[in-house]
Amino acid sequence: MIFELKFTPEAEETYDSLTSQLQERWGDQFAIKFETKVLKALEAISVSPYLYPIIEESTEVRRCVLHKNCSMLYKVFDDVVLIVCFWDNRQDPLFSH
């Protein structure tokens, strides 16, 4: 079964912001490389949404680490995967354990 992928407005905003920053700082090639990683992760999640660990039990948010500095956070609902946001891992933790 293939799960449908949906993005929250925050996910779209944080993705656009992140790719723009990467392009400005490191150039087109680096941004394209990152976008390719994101697409591969989305492909994997659409087939196996439980692949990545839950980082907060109460919300069931899962984290896919795309790069040591960036993660994609998402939730699984029935046959839909909701991409919540892209997170800079150098920021304060989103959830405290």
PDB file of N, CA and C in Angstrom:
ATOM      1  N   MET A   1       0.837  -1.188   0.000  1.00  0.00           N
ATOM      2  CA  MET A   1       0.000   0.000   0.000  1.00  0.00           C
ATOM      3  C   MET A   1       0.884   1.254   0.000  1.00  0.00           C
ATOM      4  N   ILE A   2       0.521   2.193  -0.823  1.00  0.00           N
ATOM      5  CA  ILE A   2       1.233   3.471  -0.881  1.00  0.00           C
ATOM      6  C   ILE A   2       0.418   4.494  -0.098  1.00  0.00           C
ATOM      7  N   PHE A   3       1.065   5.155   0.850  1.00  0.00           N
ATOM      8  CA  PHE A   3       0.403   6.176   1.657  1.00  0.00           C
ATOM      9  C   PHE A   3       0.447   7.517   0.917  1.00  0.00           C
ATOM     10  N   GLU A   4      -0.638   8.255   1.036  1.00  0.00           N
ATOM     11  CA  GLU A   4      -0.700   9.590   0.437  1.00  0.00           C
ATOM     12  C   GLU A   4       0.131  10.545   1.292  1.00  0.00           C
ATOM     13  N   LEU A   5       0.897  11.417   0.644  1.00  0.00           N
ATOM     14  CA  LEU A   5       1.704  12.403   1.355  1.00  0.00           C
ATOM     15  C   LEU A   5       1.023  13.766   1.271  1.00  0.00           C
ATOM     16  N   LYS A   6       0.888  14.405   2.416  1.00  0.00           N
ATOM     17  CA  LYS A   6       0.326  15.757   2.466  1.00  0.00           C
ATOM     18  C   LYS A   6       1.274  16.632   3.276  1.00  0.00           C
ATOM     19  N   PHE A   7       1.369  17.893   2.881  1.00  0.00           N
ATOM     20  CA  PHE A   7       2.229  18.848   3.578  1.00  0.00           C
ATOM     21  C   PHE A   7       1.375  19.891   4.278  1.00  0.00           C
ATOM     22  N   THR A   8       1.733  20.208   5.509  1.00  0.00           N
ATOM     23  CA  THR A   8       1.080  21.325   6.198  1.00  0.00           C
ATOM     24  C   THR A   8       1.641  22.611   5.589  1.00  0.00           C
ATOM     25  N   PRO A   9       0.939  23.724   5.764  1.00  0.00           N
ATOM     26  CA  PRO A   9       1.499  25.003   5.304  1.00  0.00           C
ATOM     27  C   PRO A   9       2.875  25.277   5.933  1.00  0.00           C
ATOM     28  N   GLU A  10       3.047  24.895   7.190  1.00  0.00           N
ATOM     29  CA  GLU A  10       4.335  25.081   7.860  1.00  0.00           C
ATOM     30  C   GLU A  10       5.423  24.240   7.194  1.00  0.00           C
ATOM     31  N   ALA A  11       5.090  23.023   6.787  1.00  0.00           N
ATOM     32  CA  ALA A  11       6.067  22.164   6.109  1.00  0.00           C
ATOM     33  C   ALA A  11       6.494  22.796   4.784  1.00  0.00           C
ATOM     34  N   GLU A  12       5.539  23.316   4.036  1.00  0.00           N
ATOM     35  CA  GLU A  12       5.861  23.965   2.764  1.00  0.00           C
ATOM     36  C   GLU A  12       6.747  25.185   2.998  1.00  0.00           C
ATOM     37  N   GLU A  13       6.391  25.968   4.007  1.00  0.00           N
ATOM     38  CA  GLU A  13       7.141  27.185   4.328  1.00  0.00           C
ATOM     39  C   GLU A  13       8.569  26.863   4.790  1.00  0.00           C
ATOM     40  N   THR A  14       8.707  25.898   5.699  1.00  0.00           N
ATOM     41  CA  THR A  14      10.038  25.570   6.218  1.00  0.00           C
ATOM     42  C   THR A  14      10.901  24.905   5.151  1.00  0.00           C
ATOM     43  N   TYR A  15      10.292  24.129   4.258  1.00  0.00           N
ATOM     44  CA  TYR A  15      11.039  23.508   3.157  1.00  0.00           C
ATOM     45  C   TYR A  15      11.558  24.578   2.204  1.00  0.00           C
ATOM     46  N   ASP A  16      10.679  25.494   1.807  1.00  0.00           N
ATOM     47  CA  ASP A  16      11.082  26.567   0.896  1.00  0.00           C
ATOM     48  C   ASP A  16      12.180  27.425   1.505  1.00  0.00           C
ATOM     49  N   SER A  17      12.030  27.750   2.766  1.00  0.00           N
ATOM     50  CA  SER A  17      13.018  28.570   3.463  1.00  0.00           C
ATOM     51  C   SER A  17      14.366  27.856   3.521  1.00  0.00           C
ATOM     52  N   LEU A  18      14.328  26.584   3.856  1.00  0.00           N
ATOM     53  CA  LEU A  18      15.545  25.793   3.976  1.00  0.00           C
ATOM     54  C   LEU A  18      16.266  25.658   2.634  1.00  0.00           C
ATOM     55  N   THR A  19      15.542  25.331   1.586  1.00  0.00           N
ATOM     56  CA  THR A  19      16.194  25.178   0.281  1.00  0.00           C
ATOM     57  C   THR A  19      16.748  26.512  -0.219  1.00  0.00           C
ATOM     58  N   SER A  20      16.059  27.608   0.069  1.00  0.00           N
ATOM     59  CA  SER A  20      16.575  28.932  -0.315  1.00  0.00           C
ATOM     60  C   SER A  20      17.871  29.237   0.414  1.00  0.00           C
ATOM     61  N   GLN A  21      17.900  28.946   1.714  1.00  0.00           N
ATOM     62  CA  GLN A  21      19.120  29.173   2.501  1.00  0.00           C
ATOM     63  C   GLN A  21      20.277  28.325   1.978  1.00  0.00           C
ATOM     64  N   LEU A  22      20.008  27.070   1.683  1.00  0.00           N
ATOM     65  CA  LEU A  22      21.053  26.182   1.174  1.00  0.00           C
ATOM     66  C   LEU A  22      21.589  26.688  -0.158  1.00  0.00           C
ATOM     67  N   GLN A  23      20.682  27.138  -1.003  1.00  0.00           N
ATOM     68  CA  GLN A  23      21.084  27.632  -2.317  1.00  0.00           C
ATOM     69  C   GLN A  23      21.951  28.888  -2.184  1.00  0.00           C
ATOM     70  N   GLU A  24      21.550  29.801  -1.298  1.00  0.00           N
ATOM     71  CA  GLU A  24      22.317  31.030  -1.090  1.00  0.00           C
ATOM     72  C   GLU A  24      23.703  30.736  -0.506  1.00  0.00           C
ATOM     73  N   ARG A  25      23.768  29.863   0.484  1.00  0.00           N
ATOM     74  CA  ARG A  25      25.032  29.588   1.179  1.00  0.00           C
ATOM     75  C   ARG A  25      25.961  28.649   0.421  1.00  0.00           C
ATOM     76  N   TRP A  26      25.395  27.609  -0.182  1.00  0.00           N
ATOM     77  CA  TRP A  26      26.226  26.553  -0.744  1.00  0.00           C
ATOM     78  C   TRP A  26      26.071  26.348  -2.251  1.00  0.00           C
ATOM     79  N   GLY A  27      25.124  27.041  -2.866  1.00  0.00           N
ATOM     80  CA  GLY A  27      24.956  26.941  -4.318  1.00  0.00           C
ATOM     81  C   GLY A  27      23.894  25.946  -4.752  1.00  0.00           C
ATOM     82  N   ASP A  28      23.627  25.971  -6.048  1.00  0.00           N
ATOM     83  CA  ASP A  28      22.569  25.143  -6.641  1.00  0.00           C
ATOM     84  C   ASP A  28      22.802  23.651  -6.450  1.00  0.00           C
ATOM     85  N   GLN A  29      24.033  23.198  -6.653  1.00  0.00           N
ATOM     86  CA  GLN A  29      24.327  21.765  -6.560  1.00  0.00           C
ATOM     87  C   GLN A  29      23.981  21.203  -5.182  1.00  0.00           C
ATOM     88  N   PHE A  30      24.342  21.939  -4.135  1.00  0.00           N
ATOM     89  CA  PHE A  30      24.071  21.491  -2.775  1.00  0.00           C
ATOM     90  C   PHE A  30      22.556  21.442  -2.525  1.00  0.00           C
ATOM     91  N   ALA A  31      21.849  22.469  -2.991  1.00  0.00           N
ATOM     92  CA  ALA A  31      20.389  22.511  -2.818  1.00  0.00           C
ATOM     93  C   ALA A  31      19.721  21.357  -3.558  1.00  0.00           C
ATOM     94  N   ILE A  32      20.190  21.067  -4.755  1.00  0.00           N
ATOM     95  CA  ILE A  32      19.627  19.956  -5.537  1.00  0.00           C
ATOM     96  C   ILE A  32      19.897  18.621  -4.842  1.00  0.00           C
ATOM     97  N   LYS A  33      21.088  18.476  -4.289  1.00  0.00           N
ATOM     98  CA  LYS A  33      21.442  17.261  -3.556  1.00  0.00           C
ATOM     99  C   LYS A  33      20.499  17.066  -2.361  1.00  0.00           C
ATOM    100  N   PHE A  34      20.224  18.163  -1.645  1.00  0.00           N
ATOM    101  CA  PHE A  34      19.316  18.100  -0.507  1.00  0.00           C
ATOM    102  C   PHE A  34      17.903  17.729  -0.967  1.00  0.00           C
ATOM    103  N   GLU A  35      17.437  18.360  -2.036  1.00  0.00           N
ATOM    104  CA  GLU A  35      16.095  18.070  -2.561  1.00  0.00           C
ATOM    105  C   GLU A  35      15.971  16.600  -2.954  1.00  0.00           C
ATOM    106  N   THR A  36      17.034  16.038  -3.508  1.00  0.00           N
ATOM    107  CA  THR A  36      17.040  14.621  -3.877  1.00  0.00           C
ATOM    108  C   THR A  36      16.914  13.741  -2.636  1.00  0.00           C
ATOM    109  N   LYS A  37      17.615  14.115  -1.553  1.00  0.00           N
ATOM    110  CA  LYS A  37      17.507  13.368  -0.282  1.00  0.00           C
ATOM    111  C   LYS A  37      16.070  13.414   0.234  1.00  0.00           C
ATOM    112  N   VAL A  38      15.459  14.584   0.154  1.00  0.00           N
ATOM    113  CA  VAL A  38      14.078  14.740   0.620  1.00  0.00           C
ATOM    114  C   VAL A  38      13.148  13.852  -0.206  1.00  0.00           C
ATOM    115  N   LEU A  39      13.301  13.877  -1.512  1.00  0.00           N
ATOM    116  CA  LEU A  39      12.440  13.054  -2.378  1.00  0.00           C
ATOM    117  C   LEU A  39      12.599  11.565  -2.079  1.00  0.00           C
ATOM    118  N   LYS A  40      13.832  11.118  -1.861  1.00  0.00           N
ATOM    119  CA  LYS A  40      14.064   9.709  -1.531  1.00  0.00           C
ATOM    120  C   LYS A  40      13.426   9.351  -0.191  1.00  0.00           C
ATOM    121  N   ALA A  41      13.539  10.250   0.786  1.00  0.00           N
ATOM    122  CA  ALA A  41      12.930  10.001   2.096  1.00  0.00           C
ATOM    123  C   ALA A  41      11.410   9.953   1.974  1.00  0.00           C
ATOM    124  N   LEU A  42      10.836  10.864   1.195  1.00  0.00           N
ATOM    125  CA  LEU A  42       9.378  10.876   0.999  1.00  0.00           C
ATOM    126  C   LEU A  42       8.907   9.594   0.314  1.00  0.00           C
ATOM    127  N   GLU A  43       9.680   9.133  -0.630  1.00  0.00           N
ATOM    128  CA  GLU A  43       9.359   7.884  -1.323  1.00  0.00           C
ATOM    129  C   GLU A  43       9.366   6.716  -0.332  1.00  0.00           C
ATOM    130  N   ALA A  44      10.383   6.658   0.510  1.00  0.00           N
ATOM    131  CA  ALA A  44      10.486   5.588   1.513  1.00  0.00           C
ATOM    132  C   ALA A  44       9.330   5.663   2.512  1.00  0.00           C
ATOM    133  N   ILE A  45       9.000   6.871   2.945  1.00  0.00           N
ATOM    134  CA  ILE A  45       7.913   7.058   3.922  1.00  0.00           C
ATOM    135  C   ILE A  45       6.562   6.695   3.311  1.00  0.00           C
ATOM    136  N   SER A  46       6.365   6.981   2.033  1.00  0.00           N
ATOM    137  CA  SER A  46       5.075   6.662   1.408  1.00  0.00           C
ATOM    138  C   SER A  46       4.843   5.154   1.348  1.00  0.00           C
ATOM    139  N   VAL A  47       5.922   4.384   1.326  1.00  0.00           N
ATOM    140  CA  VAL A  47       5.815   2.919   1.287  1.00  0.00           C
ATOM    141  C   VAL A  47       5.853   2.323   2.691  1.00  0.00           C
ATOM    142  N   SER A  48       6.713   2.878   3.557  1.00  0.00           N
ATOM    143  CA  SER A  48       6.893   2.376   4.930  1.00  0.00           C
ATOM    144  C   SER A  48       6.857   3.542   5.918  1.00  0.00           C
ATOM    145  N   PRO A  49       5.682   4.045   6.245  1.00  0.00           N
ATOM    146  CA  PRO A  49       5.589   5.241   7.081  1.00  0.00           C
ATOM    147  C   PRO A  49       6.076   5.060   8.525  1.00  0.00           C
ATOM    148  N   TYR A  50       6.197   3.817   8.966  1.00  0.00           N
ATOM    149  CA  TYR A  50       6.637   3.580  10.347  1.00  0.00           C
ATOM    150  C   TYR A  50       8.144   3.335  10.421  1.00  0.00           C
ATOM    151  N   LEU A  51       8.830   3.632   9.337  1.00  0.00           N
ATOM    152  CA  LEU A  51      10.264   3.414   9.212  1.00  0.00           C
ATOM    153  C   LEU A  51      11.075   4.222  10.226  1.00  0.00           C
ATOM    154  N   TYR A  52      10.661   5.439  10.489  1.00  0.00           N
ATOM    155  CA  TYR A  52      11.421   6.335  11.372  1.00  0.00           C
ATOM    156  C   TYR A  52      10.786   6.397  12.758  1.00  0.00           C
ATOM    157  N   PRO A  53      11.595   6.669  13.767  1.00  0.00           N
ATOM    158  CA  PRO A  53      11.105   6.607  15.155  1.00  0.00           C
ATOM    159  C   PRO A  53      10.208   7.770  15.560  1.00  0.00           C
ATOM    160  N   ILE A  54       9.331   7.466  16.520  1.00  0.00           N
ATOM    161  CA  ILE A  54       8.497   8.490  17.153  1.00  0.00           C
ATOM    162  C   ILE A  54       9.393   9.265  18.118  1.00  0.00           C
ATOM    163  N   ILE A  55       9.324  10.599  18.056  1.00  0.00           N
ATOM    164  CA  ILE A  55      10.146  11.399  18.967  1.00  0.00           C
ATOM    165  C   ILE A  55       9.336  11.958  20.128  1.00  0.00           C
ATOM    166  N   GLU A  56       8.027  11.921  20.004  1.00  0.00           N
ATOM    167  CA  GLU A  56       7.170  12.408  21.089  1.00  0.00           C
ATOM    168  C   GLU A  56       5.937  11.519  21.144  1.00  0.00           C
ATOM    169  N   GLU A  57       5.861  10.668  22.170  1.00  0.00           N
ATOM    170  CA  GLU A  57       4.777   9.686  22.287  1.00  0.00           C
ATOM    171  C   GLU A  57       3.383  10.311  22.267  1.00  0.00           C
ATOM    172  N   SER A  58       3.216  11.413  22.987  1.00  0.00           N
ATOM    173  CA  SER A  58       1.865  11.992  23.110  1.00  0.00           C
ATOM    174  C   SER A  58       1.322  12.522  21.781  1.00  0.00           C
ATOM    175  N   THR A  59       2.217  12.923  20.865  1.00  0.00           N
ATOM    176  CA  THR A  59       1.755  13.453  19.581  1.00  0.00           C
ATOM    177  C   THR A  59       1.987  12.486  18.428  1.00  0.00           C
ATOM    178  N   GLU A  60       2.780  11.433  18.678  1.00  0.00           N
ATOM    179  CA  GLU A  60       3.147  10.440  17.666  1.00  0.00           C
ATOM    180  C   GLU A  60       3.863  11.054  16.467  1.00  0.00           C
ATOM    181  N   VAL A  61       4.593  12.122  16.704  1.00  0.00           N
ATOM    182  CA  VAL A  61       5.397  12.750  15.648  1.00  0.00           C
ATOM    183  C   VAL A  61       6.652  11.909  15.439  1.00  0.00           C
ATOM    184  N   ARG A  62       6.953  11.644  14.192  1.00  0.00           N
ATOM    185  CA  ARG A  62       8.133  10.867  13.822  1.00  0.00           C
ATOM    186  C   ARG A  62       9.172  11.785  13.196  1.00  0.00           C
ATOM    187  N   ARG A  63      10.453  11.379  13.299  1.00  0.00           N
ATOM    188  CA  ARG A  63      11.524  12.206  12.754  1.00  0.00           C
ATOM    189  C   ARG A  63      12.399  11.410  11.803  1.00  0.00           C
ATOM    190  N   CYS A  64      12.553  11.964  10.612  1.00  0.00           N
ATOM    191  CA  CYS A  64      13.462  11.429   9.604  1.00  0.00           C
ATOM    192  C   CYS A  64      14.628  12.408   9.518  1.00  0.00           C
ATOM    193  N   VAL A  65      15.823  11.968   9.910  1.00  0.00           N
ATOM    194  CA  VAL A  65      17.006  12.825   9.834  1.00  0.00           C
ATOM    195  C   VAL A  65      17.510  12.795   8.388  1.00  0.00           C
ATOM    196  N   LEU A  66      17.455  13.953   7.743  1.00  0.00           N
ATOM    197  CA  LEU A  66      17.873  14.069   6.349  1.00  0.00           C
ATOM    198  C   LEU A  66      19.362  14.395   6.246  1.00  0.00           C
ATOM    199  N   HIS A  67      19.848  15.095   7.253  1.00  0.00           N
ATOM    200  CA  HIS A  67      21.239  15.544   7.317  1.00  0.00           C
ATOM    201  C   HIS A  67      21.483  15.838   8.789  1.00  0.00           C
ATOM    202  N   LYS A  68      22.731  15.859   9.210  1.00  0.00           N
ATOM    203  CA  LYS A  68      22.980  16.093  10.636  1.00  0.00           C
ATOM    204  C   LYS A  68      22.353  17.405  11.122  1.00  0.00           C
ATOM    205  N   ASN A  69      22.106  18.336  10.214  1.00  0.00           N
ATOM    206  CA  ASN A  69      21.533  19.626  10.591  1.00  0.00           C
ATOM    207  C   ASN A  69      20.045  19.767  10.301  1.00  0.00           C
ATOM    208  N   CYS A  70      19.426  18.764   9.692  1.00  0.00           N
ATOM    209  CA  CYS A  70      18.029  18.925   9.292  1.00  0.00           C
ATOM    210  C   CYS A  70      17.237  17.622   9.394  1.00  0.00           C
ATOM    211  N   SER A  71      16.021  17.750   9.920  1.00  0.00           N
ATOM    212  CA  SER A  71      15.102  16.612  10.008  1.00  0.00           C
ATOM    213  C   SER A  71      13.754  16.983   9.413  1.00  0.00           C
ATOM    214  N   MET A  72      13.034  15.957   9.009  1.00  0.00           N
ATOM    215  CA  MET A  72      11.664  16.130   8.541  1.00  0.00           C
ATOM    216  C   MET A  72      10.765  15.465   9.588  1.00  0.00           C
ATOM    217  N   LEU A  73       9.787  16.203  10.088  1.00  0.00           N
ATOM    218  CA  LEU A  73       8.875  15.672  11.091  1.00  0.00           C
ATOM    219  C   LEU A  73       7.539  15.366  10.431  1.00  0.00           C
ATOM    220  N   TYR A  74       6.960  14.220  10.807  1.00  0.00           N
ATOM    221  CA  TYR A  74       5.697  13.816  10.185  1.00  0.00           C
ATOM    222  C   TYR A  74       4.863  12.951  11.122  1.00  0.00           C
ATOM    223  N   LYS A  75       3.574  12.827  10.756  1.00  0.00           N
ATOM    224  CA  LYS A  75       2.635  11.983  11.500  1.00  0.00           C
ATOM    225  C   LYS A  75       1.923  11.072  10.516  1.00  0.00           C
ATOM    226  N   VAL A  76       1.511   9.910  10.994  1.00  0.00           N
ATOM    227  CA  VAL A  76       0.796   8.944  10.161  1.00  0.00           C
ATOM    228  C   VAL A  76      -0.656   8.877  10.621  1.00  0.00           C
ATOM    229  N   PHE A  77      -1.574   9.045   9.681  1.00  0.00           N
ATOM    230  CA  PHE A  77      -3.012   8.935   9.937  1.00  0.00           C
ATOM    231  C   PHE A  77      -3.599   7.969   8.916  1.00  0.00           C
ATOM    232  N   ASP A  78      -4.079   6.823   9.357  1.00  0.00           N
ATOM    233  CA  ASP A  78      -4.691   5.831   8.464  1.00  0.00           C
ATOM    234  C   ASP A  78      -3.829   5.603   7.232  1.00  0.00           C
ATOM    235  N   ASP A  79      -4.246   6.129   6.067  1.00  0.00           N
ATOM    236  CA  ASP A  79      -3.480   5.934   4.829  1.00  0.00           C
ATOM    237  C   ASP A  79      -2.837   7.230   4.336  1.00  0.00           C
ATOM    238  N   VAL A  80      -2.667   8.195   5.253  1.00  0.00           N
ATOM    239  CA  VAL A  80      -2.075   9.492   4.917  1.00  0.00           C
ATOM    240  C   VAL A  80      -0.876   9.770   5.823  1.00  0.00           C
ATOM    241  N   VAL A  81       0.178  10.282   5.219  1.00  0.00           N
ATOM    242  CA  VAL A  81       1.343  10.750   5.980  1.00  0.00           C
ATOM    243  C   VAL A  81       1.332  12.268   5.864  1.00  0.00           C
ATOM    244  N   LEU A  82       1.265  12.926   7.017  1.00  0.00           N
ATOM    245  CA  LEU A  82       1.243  14.382   7.051  1.00  0.00           C
ATOM    246  C   LEU A  82       2.638  14.882   7.415  1.00  0.00           C
ATOM    247  N   ILE A  83       3.266  15.583   6.475  1.00  0.00           N
ATOM    248  CA  ILE A  83       4.579  16.178   6.739  1.00  0.00           C
ATOM    249  C   ILE A  83       4.304  17.455   7.529  1.00  0.00           C
ATOM    250  N   VAL A  84       4.806  17.487   8.766  1.00  0.00           N
ATOM    251  CA  VAL A  84       4.514  18.588   9.687  1.00  0.00           C
ATOM    252  C   VAL A  84       5.432  19.777   9.427  1.00  0.00           C
ATOM    253  N   CYS A  85       6.744  19.509   9.372  1.00  0.00           N
ATOM    254  CA  CYS A  85       7.705  20.593   9.118  1.00  0.00           C
ATOM    255  C   CYS A  85       9.090  20.029   8.887  1.00  0.00           C
ATOM    256  N   PHE A  86       9.974  20.903   8.444  1.00  0.00           N
ATOM    257  CA  PHE A  86      11.391  20.596   8.334  1.00  0.00           C
ATOM    258  C   PHE A  86      12.053  21.353   9.469  1.00  0.00           C
ATOM    259  N   TRP A  87      12.934  20.681  10.201  1.00  0.00           N
ATOM    260  CA  TRP A  87      13.469  21.233  11.445  1.00  0.00           C
ATOM    261  C   TRP A  87      14.989  21.318  11.392  1.00  0.00           C
ATOM    262  N   ASP A  88      15.521  22.470  11.754  1.00  0.00           N
ATOM    263  CA  ASP A  88      16.960  22.647  11.871  1.00  0.00           C
ATOM    264  C   ASP A  88      17.376  22.024  13.196  1.00  0.00           C
ATOM    265  N   ASN A  89      18.142  20.958  13.160  1.00  0.00           N
ATOM    266  CA  ASN A  89      18.522  20.223  14.366  1.00  0.00           C
ATOM    267  C   ASN A  89      19.400  21.028  15.314  1.00  0.00           C
ATOM    268  N   ARG A  90      19.922  22.159  14.843  1.00  0.00           N
ATOM    269  CA  ARG A  90      20.764  22.997  15.695  1.00  0.00           C
ATOM    270  C   ARG A  90      19.923  23.931  16.560  1.00  0.00           C
ATOM    271  N   GLN A  91      18.630  24.006  16.288  1.00  0.00           N
ATOM    272  CA  GLN A  91      17.732  24.823  17.103  1.00  0.00           C
ATOM    273  C   GLN A  91      17.472  24.128  18.426  1.00  0.00           C
ATOM    274  N   ASP A  92      16.805  24.845  19.328  1.00  0.00           N
ATOM    275  CA  ASP A  92      16.385  24.234  20.579  1.00  0.00           C
ATOM    276  C   ASP A  92      15.520  23.021  20.258  1.00  0.00           C
ATOM    277  N   PRO A  93      15.605  21.984  21.077  1.00  0.00           N
ATOM    278  CA  PRO A  93      14.787  20.787  20.811  1.00  0.00           C
ATOM    279  C   PRO A  93      13.303  21.141  20.747  1.00  0.00           C
ATOM    280  N   LEU A  94      12.617  20.490  19.820  1.00  0.00           N
ATOM    281  CA  LEU A  94      11.189  20.706  19.664  1.00  0.00           C
ATOM    282  C   LEU A  94      10.425  20.082  20.832  1.00  0.00           C
ATOM    283  N   PHE A  95      10.899  18.925  21.253  1.00  0.00           N
ATOM    284  CA  PHE A  95      10.276  18.210  22.361  1.00  0.00           C
ATOM    285  C   PHE A  95      11.354  17.883  23.384  1.00  0.00           C
ATOM    286  N   SER A  96      11.006  17.984  24.632  1.00  0.00           N
ATOM    287  CA  SER A  96      11.983  17.585  25.656  1.00  0.00           C
ATOM    288  C   SER A  96      11.638  16.181  26.135  1.00  0.00           C
ATOM    289  N   HIS A  97      12.628  15.369  26.326  1.00  0.00           N
ATOM    290  CA  HIS A  97      12.396  13.966  26.739  1.00  0.00           C
ATOM    291  C   HIS A  97      12.490  13.837  28.240  1.00  0.00           C
TER     292      HIS A  97
END
